[in-house]
Amino acid sequence: MQIIDRVGGGDAFAGALIFALLSKKNAKDALQFAVAASCLKQTIPGDFNLVSAEE
């Protein structure tokens, strides 16, 4: 993975964690989802995470 822009990585993590927990994922799966969302966000320039939950 090549980091393009680190801005928003923490926000992406927090948002994804909340989404996963509200979607009734267990703690381990919710954390894995949040880490993945944060990592993917860092490959996108700007403040928005432009990936879907499926990605």
C-alpha atoms as a PDB file:
ATOM      1  CA  MET A   1       0.000   0.000   0.000  1.00  0.00           C
ATOM      2  CA  GLN A   2       1.274   3.447  -0.903  1.00  0.00           C
ATOM      3  CA  ILE A   3       0.238   6.268   1.412  1.00  0.00           C
ATOM      4  CA  ILE A   4      -1.097   9.203  -0.605  1.00  0.00           C
ATOM      5  CA  ASP A   5      -2.686  11.366   2.109  1.00  0.00           C
ATOM      6  CA  ARG A   6      -2.786  10.657   5.840  1.00  0.00           C
ATOM      7  CA  VAL A   7      -5.425  13.318   6.553  1.00  0.00           C
ATOM      8  CA  GLY A   8      -8.662  11.709   7.682  1.00  0.00           C
ATOM      9  CA  GLY A   9      -7.243   8.319   8.617  1.00  0.00           C
ATOM     10  CA  GLY A  10      -8.333   8.620  12.239  1.00  0.00           C
ATOM     11  CA  ASP A  11     -11.763   9.889  11.272  1.00  0.00           C
ATOM     12  CA  ALA A  12     -12.166   6.993   8.841  1.00  0.00           C
ATOM     13  CA  PHE A  13     -11.196   4.576  11.621  1.00  0.00           C
ATOM     14  CA  ALA A  14     -13.662   6.073  14.100  1.00  0.00           C
ATOM     15  CA  GLY A  15     -16.509   6.213  11.607  1.00  0.00           C
ATOM     16  CA  ALA A  16     -15.917   2.665  10.421  1.00  0.00           C
ATOM     17  CA  LEU A  17     -15.729   1.364  13.987  1.00  0.00           C
ATOM     18  CA  ILE A  18     -19.047   3.002  14.877  1.00  0.00           C
ATOM     19  CA  PHE A  19     -20.623   1.695  11.659  1.00  0.00           C
ATOM     20  CA  ALA A  20     -19.366  -1.840  12.317  1.00  0.00           C
ATOM     21  CA  LEU A  21     -20.544  -1.900  15.929  1.00  0.00           C
ATOM     22  CA  LEU A  22     -23.975  -0.542  14.956  1.00  0.00           C
ATOM     23  CA  SER A  23     -24.095  -3.261  12.281  1.00  0.00           C
ATOM     24  CA  LYS A  24     -23.775  -5.842  15.086  1.00  0.00           C
ATOM     25  CA  LYS A  25     -20.250  -7.001  14.200  1.00  0.00           C
ATOM     26  CA  ASN A  26     -18.282  -8.532  17.069  1.00  0.00           C
ATOM     27  CA  ALA A  27     -15.402  -6.513  18.548  1.00  0.00           C
ATOM     28  CA  LYS A  28     -12.654  -8.293  16.577  1.00  0.00           C
ATOM     29  CA  ASP A  29     -14.424  -7.923  13.223  1.00  0.00           C
ATOM     30  CA  ALA A  30     -15.322  -4.300  13.996  1.00  0.00           C
ATOM     31  CA  LEU A  31     -11.679  -3.456  14.713  1.00  0.00           C
ATOM     32  CA  GLN A  32     -10.487  -5.224  11.563  1.00  0.00           C
ATOM     33  CA  PHE A  33     -13.073  -3.317   9.522  1.00  0.00           C
ATOM     34  CA  ALA A  34     -12.016   0.002  11.082  1.00  0.00           C
ATOM     35  CA  VAL A  35      -8.310  -0.620  10.460  1.00  0.00           C
ATOM     36  CA  ALA A  36      -9.042  -1.578   6.847  1.00  0.00           C
ATOM     37  CA  ALA A  37     -11.102   1.588   6.329  1.00  0.00           C
ATOM     38  CA  SER A  38      -8.327   3.722   7.781  1.00  0.00           C
ATOM     39  CA  CYS A  39      -5.708   2.054   5.581  1.00  0.00           C
ATOM     40  CA  LEU A  40      -7.820   2.460   2.445  1.00  0.00           C
ATOM     41  CA  LYS A  41      -8.496   6.121   3.271  1.00  0.00           C
ATOM     42  CA  GLN A  42      -4.773   6.812   3.276  1.00  0.00           C
ATOM     43  CA  THR A  43      -4.580   5.755  -0.376  1.00  0.00           C
ATOM     44  CA  ILE A  44      -7.057   8.513  -1.368  1.00  0.00           C
ATOM     45  CA  PRO A  45      -6.147  12.222  -1.542  1.00  0.00           C
ATOM     46  CA  GLY A  46      -8.328  14.622   0.429  1.00  0.00           C
ATOM     47  CA  ASP A  47     -10.622  14.407   3.410  1.00  0.00           C
ATOM     48  CA  PHE A  48     -13.184  11.911   2.114  1.00  0.00           C
ATOM     49  CA  ASN A  49     -13.085   8.118   2.238  1.00  0.00           C
ATOM     50  CA  LEU A  50     -14.416   7.208  -1.208  1.00  0.00           C
ATOM     51  CA  VAL A  51     -14.624   3.439  -0.737  1.00  0.00           C
ATOM     52  CA  SER A  52     -17.683   1.352   0.005  1.00  0.00           C
ATOM     53  CA  ALA A  53     -18.210  -0.987   2.939  1.00  0.00           C
ATOM     54  CA  GLU A  54     -17.813  -3.935   0.541  1.00  0.00           C
ATOM     55  CA  GLU A  55     -14.333  -2.794  -0.500  1.00  0.00           C
END
